[in-house]
């Protein structure tokens, strides 16, 4: 589900970059929610070591993706038109009935 929340026009000059999670995200969450889990939204415990690895990966992936998108925009967009604001959120809420994603303000 997640990758389809990224619009196909993500690299357009006016589109924002991905919002980066806080650097201490591993300390903020001691659980994970399995995609497609039944029941949806069930919190499963995660060890600190696994949480640290998961946080490292998500922080690095989003940061690198933003770097690549910023480079692309800087080389293809008219000067001064590239949107470098990091405000796009994949999943705003874990509630499947209220989870539109998109450009919203972060809670962190």
C-alpha atoms as a PDB file:
ATOM      1  CA  UNK A   1       0.000   0.000   0.000  1.00  0.00           C
ATOM      2  CA  UNK A   2       2.692   2.513   1.019  1.00  0.00           C
ATOM      3  CA  UNK A   3       4.581   2.924  -2.241  1.00  0.00           C
ATOM      4  CA  UNK A   4       1.366   3.787  -4.054  1.00  0.00           C
ATOM      5  CA  UNK A   5       0.873   6.819  -1.801  1.00  0.00           C
ATOM      6  CA  UNK A   6       3.781   8.512  -3.516  1.00  0.00           C
ATOM      7  CA  UNK A   7       2.277  10.396  -6.426  1.00  0.00           C
ATOM      8  CA  UNK A   8       3.652   9.614  -9.872  1.00  0.00           C
ATOM      9  CA  UNK A   9       4.375  13.333 -10.248  1.00  0.00           C
ATOM     10  CA  UNK A  10       6.534  13.428  -7.096  1.00  0.00           C
ATOM     11  CA  UNK A  11       9.509  14.754  -9.034  1.00  0.00           C
ATOM     12  CA  UNK A  12       7.645  17.725 -10.463  1.00  0.00           C
ATOM     13  CA  UNK A  13       9.105  21.067  -9.495  1.00  0.00           C
ATOM     14  CA  UNK A  14       6.205  22.167  -7.282  1.00  0.00           C
ATOM     15  CA  UNK A  15       5.833  18.926  -5.296  1.00  0.00           C
ATOM     16  CA  UNK A  16       7.290  18.734  -1.797  1.00  0.00           C
ATOM     17  CA  UNK A  17       9.885  16.234  -0.608  1.00  0.00           C
ATOM     18  CA  UNK A  18       9.251  13.540   2.000  1.00  0.00           C
ATOM     19  CA  UNK A  19       9.052  14.624   5.609  1.00  0.00           C
ATOM     20  CA  UNK A  20      11.949  13.110   7.526  1.00  0.00           C
ATOM     21  CA  UNK A  21      11.187  11.366  10.814  1.00  0.00           C
ATOM     22  CA  UNK A  22      12.753  12.614  14.036  1.00  0.00           C
ATOM     23  CA  UNK A  23      16.261  11.276  14.664  1.00  0.00           C
ATOM     24  CA  UNK A  24      15.138   9.672  17.935  1.00  0.00           C
ATOM     25  CA  UNK A  25      12.234   7.773  16.381  1.00  0.00           C
ATOM     26  CA  UNK A  26      13.558   4.451  17.735  1.00  0.00           C
ATOM     27  CA  UNK A  27      13.199   5.791  21.274  1.00  0.00           C
ATOM     28  CA  UNK A  28       9.654   7.011  20.638  1.00  0.00           C
ATOM     29  CA  UNK A  29       8.224   3.665  19.520  1.00  0.00           C
ATOM     30  CA  UNK A  30       8.646   0.226  21.069  1.00  0.00           C
ATOM     31  CA  UNK A  31       6.234  -1.493  18.676  1.00  0.00           C
ATOM     32  CA  UNK A  32       5.545  -2.062  15.006  1.00  0.00           C
ATOM     33  CA  UNK A  33       2.336  -2.581  13.074  1.00  0.00           C
ATOM     34  CA  UNK A  34       2.469  -5.381  10.549  1.00  0.00           C
ATOM     35  CA  UNK A  35       1.277  -4.306   7.090  1.00  0.00           C
ATOM     36  CA  UNK A  36      -1.948  -6.081   6.270  1.00  0.00           C
ATOM     37  CA  UNK A  37      -2.063  -7.551   9.765  1.00  0.00           C
ATOM     38  CA  UNK A  38      -5.264  -8.917  11.197  1.00  0.00           C
ATOM     39  CA  UNK A  39      -6.631  -7.115  13.066  1.00  0.00           C
ATOM     40  CA  UNK A  40      -5.292  -4.024  11.325  1.00  0.00           C
ATOM     41  CA  UNK A  41      -3.341  -1.713  13.585  1.00  0.00           C
ATOM     42  CA  UNK A  42      -2.360  -4.374  16.120  1.00  0.00           C
ATOM     43  CA  UNK A  43       0.790  -3.227  17.914  1.00  0.00           C
ATOM     44  CA  UNK A  44       3.507  -5.867  18.112  1.00  0.00           C
ATOM     45  CA  UNK A  45       6.443  -5.375  20.489  1.00  0.00           C
ATOM     46  CA  UNK A  46       9.889  -4.751  19.066  1.00  0.00           C
ATOM     47  CA  UNK A  47      13.222  -5.081  20.822  1.00  0.00           C
ATOM     48  CA  UNK A  48      15.399  -1.980  21.156  1.00  0.00           C
ATOM     49  CA  UNK A  49      17.977  -3.493  18.792  1.00  0.00           C
ATOM     50  CA  UNK A  50      15.414  -4.161  16.055  1.00  0.00           C
ATOM     51  CA  UNK A  51      13.835  -0.750  16.608  1.00  0.00           C
ATOM     52  CA  UNK A  52      17.226   0.891  16.175  1.00  0.00           C
ATOM     53  CA  UNK A  53      17.861  -0.990  12.903  1.00  0.00           C
ATOM     54  CA  UNK A  54      14.400  -0.181  11.543  1.00  0.00           C
ATOM     55  CA  UNK A  55      14.765   3.487  12.480  1.00  0.00           C
ATOM     56  CA  UNK A  56      18.188   3.662  10.851  1.00  0.00           C
ATOM     57  CA  UNK A  57      16.830   2.212   7.611  1.00  0.00           C
ATOM     58  CA  UNK A  58      13.747   4.407   7.369  1.00  0.00           C
ATOM     59  CA  UNK A  59      15.727   7.554   8.208  1.00  0.00           C
ATOM     60  CA  UNK A  60      18.417   6.701   5.663  1.00  0.00           C
ATOM     61  CA  UNK A  61      15.980   5.728   2.912  1.00  0.00           C
ATOM     62  CA  UNK A  62      13.898   8.873   3.239  1.00  0.00           C
ATOM     63  CA  UNK A  63      16.978  11.095   3.473  1.00  0.00           C
ATOM     64  CA  UNK A  64      18.595   9.515   0.408  1.00  0.00           C
ATOM     65  CA  UNK A  65      15.369   9.612  -1.562  1.00  0.00           C
ATOM     66  CA  UNK A  66      15.045  13.315  -0.759  1.00  0.00           C
ATOM     67  CA  UNK A  67      18.664  13.898  -1.798  1.00  0.00           C
ATOM     68  CA  UNK A  68      18.029  12.236  -5.161  1.00  0.00           C
ATOM     69  CA  UNK A  69      14.755  14.102  -5.705  1.00  0.00           C
ATOM     70  CA  UNK A  70      16.363  17.438  -4.773  1.00  0.00           C
ATOM     71  CA  UNK A  71      19.216  16.804  -7.210  1.00  0.00           C
ATOM     72  CA  UNK A  72      16.764  15.898  -9.952  1.00  0.00           C
ATOM     73  CA  UNK A  73      14.689  19.017  -9.328  1.00  0.00           C
ATOM     74  CA  UNK A  74      17.773  21.242  -9.195  1.00  0.00           C
ATOM     75  CA  UNK A  75      18.975  19.955 -12.558  1.00  0.00           C
ATOM     76  CA  UNK A  76      15.635  19.918 -14.385  1.00  0.00           C
ATOM     77  CA  UNK A  77      13.507  22.707 -12.910  1.00  0.00           C
ATOM     78  CA  UNK A  78      13.729  26.348 -13.819  1.00  0.00           C
ATOM     79  CA  UNK A  79      15.928  28.212 -11.345  1.00  0.00           C
ATOM     80  CA  UNK A  80      14.054  29.063  -8.150  1.00  0.00           C
ATOM     81  CA  UNK A  81      11.045  26.853  -8.886  1.00  0.00           C
ATOM     82  CA  UNK A  82      12.102  23.600  -7.193  1.00  0.00           C
ATOM     83  CA  UNK A  83      10.126  22.869  -4.021  1.00  0.00           C
ATOM     84  CA  UNK A  84      12.525  21.570  -1.359  1.00  0.00           C
ATOM     85  CA  UNK A  85      10.061  21.698   1.511  1.00  0.00           C
ATOM     86  CA  UNK A  86      10.046  18.377   3.364  1.00  0.00           C
ATOM     87  CA  UNK A  87       6.343  18.087   4.114  1.00  0.00           C
ATOM     88  CA  UNK A  88       4.944  15.051   2.284  1.00  0.00           C
ATOM     89  CA  UNK A  89       3.801  12.305   4.680  1.00  0.00           C
ATOM     90  CA  UNK A  90       3.035   8.778   3.472  1.00  0.00           C
ATOM     91  CA  UNK A  91       0.873   7.690   6.381  1.00  0.00           C
ATOM     92  CA  UNK A  92      -0.645  10.399   8.519  1.00  0.00           C
ATOM     93  CA  UNK A  93      -2.593   7.959  10.669  1.00  0.00           C
ATOM     94  CA  UNK A  94      -2.569   4.232  11.347  1.00  0.00           C
ATOM     95  CA  UNK A  95      -6.366   4.162  11.262  1.00  0.00           C
ATOM     96  CA  UNK A  96      -7.284   2.461   7.946  1.00  0.00           C
ATOM     97  CA  UNK A  97     -10.474   4.538   7.719  1.00  0.00           C
ATOM     98  CA  UNK A  98      -8.568   7.808   8.227  1.00  0.00           C
ATOM     99  CA  UNK A  99      -5.268   7.292   6.448  1.00  0.00           C
ATOM    100  CA  UNK A 100      -5.092   9.428   3.354  1.00  0.00           C
ATOM    101  CA  UNK A 101      -1.420  10.388   3.523  1.00  0.00           C
ATOM    102  CA  UNK A 102      -0.338  13.412   1.569  1.00  0.00           C
ATOM    103  CA  UNK A 103       0.708  16.905   2.463  1.00  0.00           C
ATOM    104  CA  UNK A 104      -0.221  17.395   6.102  1.00  0.00           C
ATOM    105  CA  UNK A 105       1.558  18.865   9.079  1.00  0.00           C
ATOM    106  CA  UNK A 106       3.598  16.497  11.240  1.00  0.00           C
ATOM    107  CA  UNK A 107       2.685  15.651  14.801  1.00  0.00           C
ATOM    108  CA  UNK A 108       6.331  15.487  15.845  1.00  0.00           C
END
